[in-house]
Amino acid sequence: MSYAVYSFEAKQIQSYILATNKLKDQIGASEQIESLCADGGLLDQVTEKLSQKPKYSRKAGGAFVAFFEGDNARKQAENLQAVWTFAVQKTIPGLHFAHGIGEGDSVKKAIDQAFIQQRISNQYLYPELPMAPPMAEFAPRSGRAACSKDEKGDDLLDEATLQKRKLYDQLKRKDAFLITKKLGKFGMEKPPIWP
């Protein structure tokens, strides 16, 4: 039997979360990373759209190892890699990551190959989108190309900060922060007030 593995890991997470000094941006960034592999999160949405049901040996926070078996295992892993890379770059711009695909006649060999490819991939820098044209204004908080202004209209925002704030505002309206759900699992009588 043939096995293929796709491994993914978000890198420089602290740098991404602390890219600006606003608490709501940091909370939004933390929630983005946490929702990557959460139940019903981005990974589940992508695999559902691809009609895939991979098995996971690791799936938490900003990392996962998905493996496939069968004759078309390599093709399934490549499809997941292509769509997942696009989805992460579109929904969480500016996040650095490393990923790799491996295959073999056992899961262990496939995972070992995938981790080797992941270490190689870690050395690459992927371009951040949107690319800044020569005459672009830059967001003062991050130094990246500005694409919008904040609610008040006095602060320029880059795409990554804009996505963080959108998620923060959306979760605040619903009171659906993942961190409060996690803390509630530890037996706290009252859920924490966040933030």
N, C-alpha and C. Protein backbone atom coordinates (compact mmCIF):
# COMPACT_ATOMS: atom_id res chain seq x y z
N MET A 1 0.84 -1.18 0.00
CA MET A 1 0.00 0.00 0.00
C MET A 1 0.88 1.24 0.00
N SER A 2 0.44 2.26 -0.70
CA SER A 2 1.19 3.50 -0.83
C SER A 2 0.60 4.55 0.12
N TYR A 3 1.46 5.30 0.77
CA TYR A 3 1.05 6.36 1.69
C TYR A 3 1.67 7.68 1.26
N ALA A 4 0.95 8.74 1.48
CA ALA A 4 1.46 10.09 1.25
C ALA A 4 1.08 10.95 2.43
N VAL A 5 1.98 11.85 2.79
CA VAL A 5 1.79 12.72 3.95
C VAL A 5 2.00 14.17 3.54
N TYR A 6 1.12 15.03 4.02
CA TYR A 6 1.31 16.47 3.86
C TYR A 6 1.44 17.06 5.26
N SER A 7 2.57 17.70 5.53
CA SER A 7 2.78 18.33 6.85
C SER A 7 2.85 19.84 6.68
N PHE A 8 2.28 20.53 7.63
CA PHE A 8 2.21 22.00 7.61
C PHE A 8 2.49 22.52 9.01
N GLU A 9 3.24 23.61 9.08
CA GLU A 9 3.48 24.24 10.38
C GLU A 9 3.63 25.75 10.20
N ALA A 10 2.86 26.52 10.94
CA ALA A 10 2.99 27.97 10.94
C ALA A 10 4.28 28.33 11.67
N LYS A 11 5.01 29.27 11.13
CA LYS A 11 6.29 29.69 11.70
C LYS A 11 6.21 31.15 12.13
N GLN A 12 7.11 31.54 13.00
CA GLN A 12 7.21 32.92 13.47
C GLN A 12 5.86 33.43 13.98
N ILE A 13 5.20 32.61 14.76
CA ILE A 13 3.86 32.94 15.23
C ILE A 13 3.88 34.16 16.14
N GLN A 14 4.85 34.25 17.04
CA GLN A 14 4.91 35.40 17.93
C GLN A 14 5.11 36.70 17.16
N SER A 15 5.96 36.65 16.15
CA SER A 15 6.19 37.85 15.33
C SER A 15 4.91 38.27 14.63
N TYR A 16 4.15 37.29 14.17
CA TYR A 16 2.90 37.59 13.47
C TYR A 16 1.88 38.20 14.44
N ILE A 17 1.75 37.61 15.62
CA ILE A 17 0.78 38.09 16.59
C ILE A 17 1.16 39.48 17.10
N LEU A 18 2.44 39.71 17.34
CA LEU A 18 2.90 40.97 17.92
C LEU A 18 3.33 41.99 16.87
N ALA A 19 2.87 41.84 15.63
CA ALA A 19 3.27 42.75 14.55
C ALA A 19 2.81 44.18 14.80
N THR A 20 1.71 44.36 15.51
CA THR A 20 1.26 45.70 15.89
C THR A 20 1.10 45.74 17.40
N ASN A 21 0.98 46.95 17.94
CA ASN A 21 0.88 47.08 19.39
C ASN A 21 -0.56 47.23 19.88
N LYS A 22 -1.53 47.00 19.02
CA LYS A 22 -2.94 47.08 19.44
C LYS A 22 -3.41 45.71 19.91
N LEU A 23 -4.05 45.68 21.07
CA LEU A 23 -4.50 44.43 21.65
C LEU A 23 -5.50 43.71 20.75
N LYS A 24 -6.42 44.45 20.13
CA LYS A 24 -7.41 43.79 19.29
C LYS A 24 -6.77 43.14 18.06
N ASP A 25 -5.69 43.71 17.54
CA ASP A 25 -4.96 43.08 16.44
C ASP A 25 -4.29 41.79 16.91
N GLN A 26 -3.73 41.83 18.10
CA GLN A 26 -3.05 40.66 18.64
C GLN A 26 -4.04 39.54 18.94
N ILE A 27 -5.20 39.89 19.48
CA ILE A 27 -6.23 38.89 19.74
C ILE A 27 -6.73 38.29 18.43
N GLY A 28 -6.96 39.15 17.44
CA GLY A 28 -7.39 38.67 16.12
C GLY A 28 -6.38 37.73 15.50
N ALA A 29 -5.09 38.06 15.61
CA ALA A 29 -4.04 37.20 15.06
C ALA A 29 -3.98 35.86 15.78
N SER A 30 -4.10 35.90 17.10
CA SER A 30 -4.09 34.66 17.88
C SER A 30 -5.27 33.77 17.50
N GLU A 31 -6.44 34.38 17.34
CA GLU A 31 -7.63 33.61 16.95
C GLU A 31 -7.48 33.05 15.54
N GLN A 32 -6.86 33.81 14.64
CA GLN A 32 -6.64 33.30 13.28
C GLN A 32 -5.81 32.02 13.31
N ILE A 33 -4.72 32.05 14.04
CA ILE A 33 -3.84 30.88 14.09
C ILE A 33 -4.53 29.71 14.78
N GLU A 34 -5.25 30.01 15.86
CA GLU A 34 -5.95 28.95 16.58
C GLU A 34 -7.04 28.31 15.72
N SER A 35 -7.66 29.11 14.86
CA SER A 35 -8.76 28.59 14.04
C SER A 35 -8.29 27.82 12.81
N LEU A 36 -6.99 27.83 12.54
CA LEU A 36 -6.49 27.07 11.38
C LEU A 36 -6.90 25.60 11.45
N CYS A 37 -6.60 24.96 12.58
CA CYS A 37 -6.82 23.52 12.71
C CYS A 37 -7.94 23.18 13.70
N ALA A 38 -8.66 24.16 14.17
CA ALA A 38 -9.76 23.90 15.11
C ALA A 38 -10.89 23.14 14.41
N ASP A 39 -11.74 22.51 15.21
CA ASP A 39 -12.90 21.83 14.64
C ASP A 39 -13.76 22.84 13.90
N GLY A 40 -14.05 22.57 12.64
CA GLY A 40 -14.82 23.49 11.81
C GLY A 40 -14.01 24.66 11.30
N GLY A 41 -12.70 24.63 11.53
CA GLY A 41 -11.82 25.72 11.11
C GLY A 41 -11.46 25.64 9.64
N LEU A 42 -10.46 26.39 9.26
CA LEU A 42 -10.06 26.50 7.85
C LEU A 42 -9.66 25.15 7.26
N LEU A 43 -8.92 24.34 8.01
CA LEU A 43 -8.49 23.04 7.50
C LEU A 43 -9.69 22.15 7.20
N ASP A 44 -10.65 22.10 8.10
CA ASP A 44 -11.84 21.29 7.87
C ASP A 44 -12.63 21.80 6.67
N GLN A 45 -12.70 23.10 6.51
CA GLN A 45 -13.41 23.67 5.36
C GLN A 45 -12.73 23.31 4.04
N VAL A 46 -11.40 23.38 4.02
CA VAL A 46 -10.66 23.06 2.80
C VAL A 46 -10.80 21.58 2.45
N THR A 47 -10.63 20.70 3.42
CA THR A 47 -10.74 19.27 3.11
C THR A 47 -12.16 18.89 2.72
N GLU A 48 -13.14 19.58 3.28
CA GLU A 48 -14.53 19.32 2.90
C GLU A 48 -14.78 19.73 1.45
N LYS A 49 -14.25 20.89 1.05
CA LYS A 49 -14.41 21.35 -0.34
C LYS A 49 -13.70 20.42 -1.32
N LEU A 50 -12.59 19.84 -0.88
CA LEU A 50 -11.85 18.90 -1.74
C LEU A 50 -12.42 17.49 -1.68
N SER A 51 -13.43 17.28 -0.86
CA SER A 51 -14.03 15.95 -0.63
C SER A 51 -12.98 14.95 -0.17
N GLN A 52 -12.13 15.40 0.73
CA GLN A 52 -11.07 14.54 1.27
C GLN A 52 -11.36 14.26 2.74
N LYS A 53 -10.92 13.08 3.17
CA LYS A 53 -11.01 12.72 4.59
C LYS A 53 -9.67 12.14 5.03
N PRO A 54 -8.66 13.03 5.15
CA PRO A 54 -7.35 12.53 5.58
C PRO A 54 -7.38 12.12 7.05
N LYS A 55 -6.42 11.31 7.42
CA LYS A 55 -6.21 10.97 8.83
C LYS A 55 -5.09 11.88 9.32
N TYR A 56 -5.14 12.21 10.60
CA TYR A 56 -4.16 13.14 11.16
C TYR A 56 -3.39 12.46 12.28
N SER A 57 -2.06 12.64 12.26
CA SER A 57 -1.28 12.21 13.41
C SER A 57 -1.02 13.40 14.32
N ARG A 58 -1.27 14.61 13.81
CA ARG A 58 -1.12 15.84 14.58
C ARG A 58 -2.05 16.87 13.94
N LYS A 59 -2.82 17.55 14.77
CA LYS A 59 -3.73 18.58 14.26
C LYS A 59 -4.10 19.51 15.41
N ALA A 60 -3.34 20.60 15.55
CA ALA A 60 -3.60 21.55 16.63
C ALA A 60 -2.91 22.86 16.33
N GLY A 61 -3.51 23.94 16.80
CA GLY A 61 -2.91 25.26 16.65
C GLY A 61 -2.60 25.56 15.21
N GLY A 62 -1.36 25.81 14.93
CA GLY A 62 -0.94 26.15 13.57
C GLY A 62 -0.18 25.05 12.88
N ALA A 63 -0.43 23.80 13.22
CA ALA A 63 0.31 22.70 12.59
C ALA A 63 -0.56 21.46 12.45
N PHE A 64 -0.28 20.69 11.41
CA PHE A 64 -0.94 19.41 11.23
C PHE A 64 -0.11 18.51 10.35
N VAL A 65 -0.34 17.22 10.49
CA VAL A 65 0.26 16.19 9.63
C VAL A 65 -0.90 15.33 9.15
N ALA A 66 -1.21 15.43 7.86
CA ALA A 66 -2.32 14.69 7.27
C ALA A 66 -1.75 13.58 6.40
N PHE A 67 -2.30 12.38 6.55
CA PHE A 67 -1.82 11.32 5.66
C PHE A 67 -2.95 10.66 4.91
N PHE A 68 -2.59 10.21 3.72
CA PHE A 68 -3.52 9.59 2.77
C PHE A 68 -2.97 8.22 2.41
N GLU A 69 -3.87 7.30 2.06
CA GLU A 69 -3.42 5.98 1.63
C GLU A 69 -4.16 5.57 0.37
N GLY A 70 -3.50 4.74 -0.41
CA GLY A 70 -4.11 4.27 -1.64
C GLY A 70 -3.31 4.67 -2.87
N ASP A 71 -3.86 4.33 -4.02
CA ASP A 71 -3.14 4.57 -5.27
C ASP A 71 -3.01 6.05 -5.60
N ASN A 72 -3.98 6.86 -5.25
CA ASN A 72 -3.92 8.29 -5.57
C ASN A 72 -3.55 9.13 -4.35
N ALA A 73 -2.84 8.55 -3.40
CA ALA A 73 -2.49 9.25 -2.17
C ALA A 73 -1.64 10.48 -2.45
N ARG A 74 -0.64 10.36 -3.33
CA ARG A 74 0.24 11.49 -3.66
C ARG A 74 -0.58 12.64 -4.27
N LYS A 75 -1.47 12.30 -5.17
CA LYS A 75 -2.30 13.32 -5.83
C LYS A 75 -3.18 14.05 -4.81
N GLN A 76 -3.76 13.32 -3.88
CA GLN A 76 -4.58 13.95 -2.84
C GLN A 76 -3.75 14.90 -1.98
N ALA A 77 -2.54 14.49 -1.61
CA ALA A 77 -1.66 15.34 -0.81
C ALA A 77 -1.27 16.60 -1.58
N GLU A 78 -0.99 16.45 -2.87
CA GLU A 78 -0.63 17.61 -3.69
C GLU A 78 -1.82 18.57 -3.83
N ASN A 79 -3.02 18.02 -4.00
CA ASN A 79 -4.21 18.87 -4.09
C ASN A 79 -4.42 19.65 -2.79
N LEU A 80 -4.27 18.97 -1.66
CA LEU A 80 -4.42 19.64 -0.37
C LEU A 80 -3.36 20.73 -0.22
N GLN A 81 -2.13 20.44 -0.60
CA GLN A 81 -1.06 21.44 -0.48
C GLN A 81 -1.37 22.68 -1.32
N ALA A 82 -1.81 22.48 -2.55
CA ALA A 82 -2.08 23.62 -3.43
C ALA A 82 -3.21 24.49 -2.90
N VAL A 83 -4.32 23.87 -2.53
CA VAL A 83 -5.47 24.64 -2.07
C VAL A 83 -5.21 25.23 -0.68
N TRP A 84 -4.57 24.46 0.19
CA TRP A 84 -4.29 24.93 1.55
C TRP A 84 -3.35 26.14 1.52
N THR A 85 -2.31 26.09 0.69
CA THR A 85 -1.37 27.21 0.60
C THR A 85 -2.10 28.47 0.18
N PHE A 86 -2.96 28.36 -0.82
CA PHE A 86 -3.72 29.52 -1.28
C PHE A 86 -4.66 30.01 -0.18
N ALA A 87 -5.36 29.10 0.49
CA ALA A 87 -6.31 29.48 1.53
C ALA A 87 -5.63 30.20 2.68
N VAL A 88 -4.47 29.71 3.10
CA VAL A 88 -3.74 30.35 4.21
C VAL A 88 -3.25 31.72 3.79
N GLN A 89 -2.68 31.84 2.60
CA GLN A 89 -2.18 33.14 2.16
C GLN A 89 -3.31 34.14 1.97
N LYS A 90 -4.48 33.68 1.61
CA LYS A 90 -5.62 34.59 1.39
C LYS A 90 -6.27 35.01 2.71
N THR A 91 -6.45 34.06 3.63
CA THR A 91 -7.15 34.38 4.88
C THR A 91 -6.24 34.90 5.98
N ILE A 92 -4.97 34.52 5.95
CA ILE A 92 -4.02 34.97 6.98
C ILE A 92 -2.77 35.52 6.29
N PRO A 93 -2.90 36.65 5.60
CA PRO A 93 -1.75 37.20 4.89
C PRO A 93 -0.63 37.58 5.85
N GLY A 94 0.60 37.33 5.43
CA GLY A 94 1.75 37.68 6.25
C GLY A 94 2.22 36.58 7.19
N LEU A 95 1.48 35.47 7.28
CA LEU A 95 1.89 34.37 8.15
C LEU A 95 2.94 33.53 7.42
N HIS A 96 4.07 33.31 8.07
CA HIS A 96 5.11 32.47 7.50
C HIS A 96 4.82 31.02 7.86
N PHE A 97 5.11 30.11 6.94
CA PHE A 97 4.86 28.70 7.20
C PHE A 97 5.84 27.84 6.43
N ALA A 98 5.91 26.58 6.86
CA ALA A 98 6.73 25.58 6.18
C ALA A 98 5.85 24.36 5.97
N HIS A 99 6.02 23.71 4.83
CA HIS A 99 5.21 22.53 4.54
C HIS A 99 5.98 21.59 3.63
N GLY A 100 5.54 20.34 3.60
CA GLY A 100 6.21 19.35 2.77
C GLY A 100 5.33 18.14 2.52
N ILE A 101 5.64 17.45 1.43
CA ILE A 101 4.93 16.22 1.06
C ILE A 101 5.95 15.09 1.03
N GLY A 102 5.55 13.95 1.55
CA GLY A 102 6.39 12.76 1.50
C GLY A 102 5.54 11.56 1.16
N GLU A 103 6.17 10.55 0.61
CA GLU A 103 5.45 9.31 0.31
C GLU A 103 6.35 8.12 0.56
N GLY A 104 5.70 6.97 0.77
CA GLY A 104 6.45 5.76 1.03
C GLY A 104 5.51 4.58 1.20
N ASP A 105 6.10 3.41 1.45
CA ASP A 105 5.27 2.22 1.61
C ASP A 105 4.81 2.03 3.05
N SER A 106 5.22 2.97 3.93
CA SER A 106 4.70 2.99 5.30
C SER A 106 4.47 4.44 5.70
N VAL A 107 3.63 4.63 6.69
CA VAL A 107 3.34 5.99 7.15
C VAL A 107 4.59 6.64 7.72
N LYS A 108 5.40 5.88 8.44
CA LYS A 108 6.62 6.44 9.04
C LYS A 108 7.57 6.98 7.97
N LYS A 109 7.78 6.22 6.90
CA LYS A 109 8.66 6.69 5.83
C LYS A 109 8.10 7.94 5.16
N ALA A 110 6.80 7.96 4.97
CA ALA A 110 6.16 9.12 4.34
C ALA A 110 6.29 10.36 5.23
N ILE A 111 6.09 10.18 6.55
CA ILE A 111 6.22 11.30 7.48
C ILE A 111 7.66 11.81 7.51
N ASP A 112 8.62 10.89 7.54
CA ASP A 112 10.03 11.30 7.54
C ASP A 112 10.37 12.13 6.31
N GLN A 113 9.91 11.70 5.14
CA GLN A 113 10.15 12.45 3.90
C GLN A 113 9.47 13.82 3.95
N ALA A 114 8.25 13.85 4.45
CA ALA A 114 7.52 15.12 4.52
C ALA A 114 8.24 16.10 5.45
N PHE A 115 8.77 15.62 6.57
CA PHE A 115 9.49 16.50 7.49
C PHE A 115 10.78 17.02 6.87
N ILE A 116 11.45 16.20 6.07
CA ILE A 116 12.65 16.67 5.37
C ILE A 116 12.28 17.79 4.40
N GLN A 117 11.21 17.59 3.64
CA GLN A 117 10.74 18.62 2.71
C GLN A 117 10.30 19.88 3.47
N GLN A 118 9.71 19.68 4.63
CA GLN A 118 9.27 20.83 5.43
C GLN A 118 10.46 21.64 5.91
N ARG A 119 11.52 20.99 6.33
CA ARG A 119 12.72 21.71 6.77
C ARG A 119 13.33 22.50 5.61
N ILE A 120 13.30 21.92 4.41
CA ILE A 120 13.80 22.64 3.24
C ILE A 120 12.89 23.84 2.94
N SER A 121 11.59 23.63 3.01
CA SER A 121 10.61 24.69 2.74
C SER A 121 10.74 25.83 3.75
N ASN A 122 11.18 25.54 4.94
CA ASN A 122 11.33 26.55 5.99
C ASN A 122 12.33 27.63 5.59
N GLN A 123 13.23 27.32 4.67
CA GLN A 123 14.25 28.26 4.25
C GLN A 123 13.74 29.26 3.21
N TYR A 124 12.57 29.00 2.63
CA TYR A 124 12.03 29.86 1.59
C TYR A 124 11.20 30.99 2.19
N LEU A 125 11.25 32.13 1.56
CA LEU A 125 10.37 33.23 1.92
C LEU A 125 9.35 33.39 0.80
N TYR A 126 8.10 33.27 1.14
CA TYR A 126 7.05 33.43 0.14
C TYR A 126 6.68 34.91 0.06
N PRO A 127 6.37 35.41 -1.12
CA PRO A 127 6.03 36.83 -1.23
C PRO A 127 4.72 37.13 -0.51
N GLU A 128 4.67 38.29 0.11
CA GLU A 128 3.45 38.70 0.79
C GLU A 128 2.56 39.43 -0.20
N LEU A 129 1.30 39.08 -0.16
CA LEU A 129 0.33 39.70 -1.04
C LEU A 129 -0.55 40.62 -0.23
N PRO A 130 -1.01 41.72 -0.71
CA PRO A 130 -0.75 42.24 -2.04
C PRO A 130 0.64 42.86 -2.13
N MET A 131 1.23 42.76 -3.31
CA MET A 131 2.55 43.34 -3.55
C MET A 131 2.41 44.86 -3.57
N ALA A 132 3.41 45.53 -3.06
CA ALA A 132 3.37 46.99 -2.99
C ALA A 132 3.89 47.60 -4.29
N PRO A 133 3.07 48.44 -4.94
CA PRO A 133 3.58 49.14 -6.11
C PRO A 133 4.56 50.23 -5.68
N PRO A 134 5.33 50.78 -6.61
CA PRO A 134 6.35 51.77 -6.23
C PRO A 134 5.80 52.99 -5.49
N MET A 135 4.60 53.42 -5.80
CA MET A 135 4.06 54.65 -5.20
C MET A 135 3.09 54.36 -4.05
N ALA A 136 3.20 53.20 -3.43
CA ALA A 136 2.26 52.82 -2.38
C ALA A 136 2.54 53.55 -1.07
N GLU A 137 1.47 53.75 -0.31
CA GLU A 137 1.63 54.23 1.05
C GLU A 137 1.80 53.01 1.95
N PHE A 138 2.49 53.18 3.04
CA PHE A 138 2.75 52.06 3.93
C PHE A 138 2.06 52.28 5.27
N ALA A 139 1.60 51.17 5.83
CA ALA A 139 0.95 51.22 7.14
C ALA A 139 2.02 51.48 8.19
N PRO A 140 1.83 52.51 9.03
CA PRO A 140 2.88 52.86 10.00
C PRO A 140 3.09 51.80 11.08
N ARG A 141 2.08 51.02 11.41
CA ARG A 141 2.22 50.03 12.48
C ARG A 141 3.03 48.81 12.05
N SER A 142 2.94 48.44 10.76
CA SER A 142 3.59 47.22 10.31
C SER A 142 4.66 47.43 9.26
N GLY A 143 4.62 48.55 8.53
CA GLY A 143 5.59 48.79 7.48
C GLY A 143 5.23 48.10 6.17
N ARG A 144 4.07 47.47 6.11
CA ARG A 144 3.64 46.80 4.88
C ARG A 144 2.78 47.76 4.06
N ALA A 145 2.53 47.37 2.82
CA ALA A 145 1.71 48.19 1.93
C ALA A 145 0.31 48.35 2.50
N ALA A 146 -0.15 49.60 2.56
CA ALA A 146 -1.48 49.88 3.08
C ALA A 146 -2.53 49.58 2.02
N CYS A 147 -3.66 49.04 2.46
CA CYS A 147 -4.75 48.73 1.53
C CYS A 147 -6.07 49.31 2.00
N SER A 148 -6.10 49.87 3.20
CA SER A 148 -7.36 50.37 3.75
C SER A 148 -7.06 51.33 4.89
N LYS A 149 -8.12 51.98 5.38
CA LYS A 149 -8.02 52.81 6.58
C LYS A 149 -8.87 52.19 7.67
N ASP A 150 -8.56 52.52 8.91
CA ASP A 150 -9.35 51.99 10.02
C ASP A 150 -10.73 52.64 10.06
N GLU A 151 -11.54 52.24 11.06
CA GLU A 151 -12.92 52.72 11.17
C GLU A 151 -13.00 54.25 11.27
N LYS A 152 -12.05 54.83 11.95
CA LYS A 152 -12.06 56.29 12.14
C LYS A 152 -11.54 57.01 10.90
N GLY A 153 -10.81 56.31 10.06
CA GLY A 153 -10.28 56.91 8.84
C GLY A 153 -8.97 57.64 9.00
N ASP A 154 -8.32 57.48 10.16
CA ASP A 154 -7.07 58.21 10.36
C ASP A 154 -5.82 57.33 10.41
N ASP A 155 -5.98 56.03 10.33
CA ASP A 155 -4.85 55.11 10.42
C ASP A 155 -4.85 54.17 9.21
N LEU A 156 -3.72 54.09 8.50
CA LEU A 156 -3.61 53.18 7.37
C LEU A 156 -3.36 51.76 7.85
N LEU A 157 -4.01 50.79 7.21
CA LEU A 157 -3.88 49.39 7.60
C LEU A 157 -3.39 48.55 6.42
N ASP A 158 -2.54 47.58 6.72
CA ASP A 158 -2.13 46.62 5.69
C ASP A 158 -3.14 45.47 5.69
N GLU A 159 -3.02 44.57 4.71
CA GLU A 159 -4.00 43.49 4.55
C GLU A 159 -4.03 42.57 5.78
N ALA A 160 -2.86 42.24 6.33
CA ALA A 160 -2.82 41.34 7.48
C ALA A 160 -3.55 41.95 8.69
N THR A 161 -3.28 43.22 8.98
CA THR A 161 -3.94 43.88 10.11
C THR A 161 -5.43 44.01 9.87
N LEU A 162 -5.82 44.28 8.64
CA LEU A 162 -7.24 44.38 8.30
C LEU A 162 -7.95 43.07 8.55
N GLN A 163 -7.34 41.94 8.17
CA GLN A 163 -7.95 40.63 8.40
C GLN A 163 -8.04 40.32 9.90
N LYS A 164 -7.01 40.69 10.66
CA LYS A 164 -7.03 40.46 12.10
C LYS A 164 -8.18 41.23 12.76
N ARG A 165 -8.34 42.48 12.36
CA ARG A 165 -9.40 43.31 12.95
C ARG A 165 -10.79 42.82 12.54
N LYS A 166 -10.93 42.39 11.31
CA LYS A 166 -12.23 41.86 10.88
C LYS A 166 -12.63 40.66 11.72
N LEU A 167 -11.67 39.72 11.93
CA LEU A 167 -11.97 38.55 12.73
C LEU A 167 -12.27 38.94 14.17
N TYR A 168 -11.49 39.85 14.73
CA TYR A 168 -11.72 40.29 16.11
C TYR A 168 -13.13 40.87 16.26
N ASP A 169 -13.50 41.77 15.35
CA ASP A 169 -14.83 42.39 15.43
C ASP A 169 -15.94 41.37 15.27
N GLN A 170 -15.74 40.42 14.36
CA GLN A 170 -16.74 39.37 14.14
C GLN A 170 -16.91 38.51 15.39
N LEU A 171 -15.81 38.10 16.00
CA LEU A 171 -15.88 37.26 17.19
C LEU A 171 -16.40 38.03 18.40
N LYS A 172 -16.08 39.30 18.49
CA LYS A 172 -16.56 40.10 19.62
C LYS A 172 -18.08 40.25 19.56
N ARG A 173 -18.62 40.44 18.37
CA ARG A 173 -20.08 40.55 18.24
C ARG A 173 -20.77 39.26 18.66
N LYS A 174 -20.16 38.12 18.35
CA LYS A 174 -20.77 36.82 18.66
C LYS A 174 -20.35 36.30 20.02
N ASP A 175 -19.36 36.96 20.66
CA ASP A 175 -18.76 36.48 21.90
C ASP A 175 -18.31 35.03 21.72
N ALA A 176 -17.54 34.79 20.67
CA ALA A 176 -17.17 33.42 20.29
C ALA A 176 -15.66 33.24 20.23
N PHE A 177 -14.91 33.83 21.14
CA PHE A 177 -13.46 33.67 21.13
C PHE A 177 -13.09 32.23 21.50
N LEU A 178 -12.19 31.64 20.74
CA LEU A 178 -11.76 30.27 21.01
C LEU A 178 -11.06 30.15 22.36
N ILE A 179 -10.35 31.20 22.76
CA ILE A 179 -9.62 31.15 24.03
C ILE A 179 -10.57 30.98 25.21
N THR A 180 -11.74 31.60 25.17
CA THR A 180 -12.69 31.46 26.28
C THR A 180 -13.25 30.04 26.33
N LYS A 181 -13.43 29.43 25.17
CA LYS A 181 -13.89 28.04 25.14
C LYS A 181 -12.84 27.12 25.73
N LYS A 182 -11.56 27.38 25.40
CA LYS A 182 -10.48 26.56 25.93
C LYS A 182 -10.38 26.70 27.44
N LEU A 183 -10.44 27.93 27.94
CA LEU A 183 -10.33 28.15 29.38
C LEU A 183 -11.53 27.58 30.12
N GLY A 184 -12.69 27.56 29.49
CA GLY A 184 -13.88 27.00 30.09
C GLY A 184 -13.77 25.50 30.30
N LYS A 185 -12.92 24.83 29.52
CA LYS A 185 -12.73 23.38 29.65
C LYS A 185 -11.94 23.01 30.90
N PHE A 186 -11.28 23.99 31.51
CA PHE A 186 -10.45 23.71 32.67
C PHE A 186 -11.21 23.82 33.98
N GLY A 187 -12.53 23.77 33.92
CA GLY A 187 -13.33 23.73 35.13
C GLY A 187 -13.59 25.07 35.77
N MET A 188 -13.42 26.14 35.05
CA MET A 188 -13.71 27.46 35.61
C MET A 188 -15.21 27.60 35.77
N GLU A 189 -15.65 28.08 36.94
CA GLU A 189 -17.07 28.23 37.20
C GLU A 189 -17.69 29.27 36.29
N LYS A 190 -17.05 30.40 36.16
CA LYS A 190 -17.55 31.46 35.29
C LYS A 190 -16.57 31.59 34.13
N PRO A 191 -17.08 31.73 32.91
CA PRO A 191 -16.16 31.93 31.79
C PRO A 191 -15.42 33.25 31.95
N PRO A 192 -14.17 33.30 31.54
CA PRO A 192 -13.41 34.54 31.70
C PRO A 192 -13.96 35.63 30.79
N ILE A 193 -13.77 36.85 31.20
CA ILE A 193 -14.16 37.99 30.35
C ILE A 193 -12.98 38.27 29.44
N TRP A 194 -13.22 38.15 28.16
CA TRP A 194 -12.11 38.28 27.20
C TRP A 194 -12.52 39.17 26.08
N PRO A 195 -11.77 40.12 25.82
CA PRO A 195 -11.09 41.12 26.62
C PRO A 195 -12.08 42.11 27.09
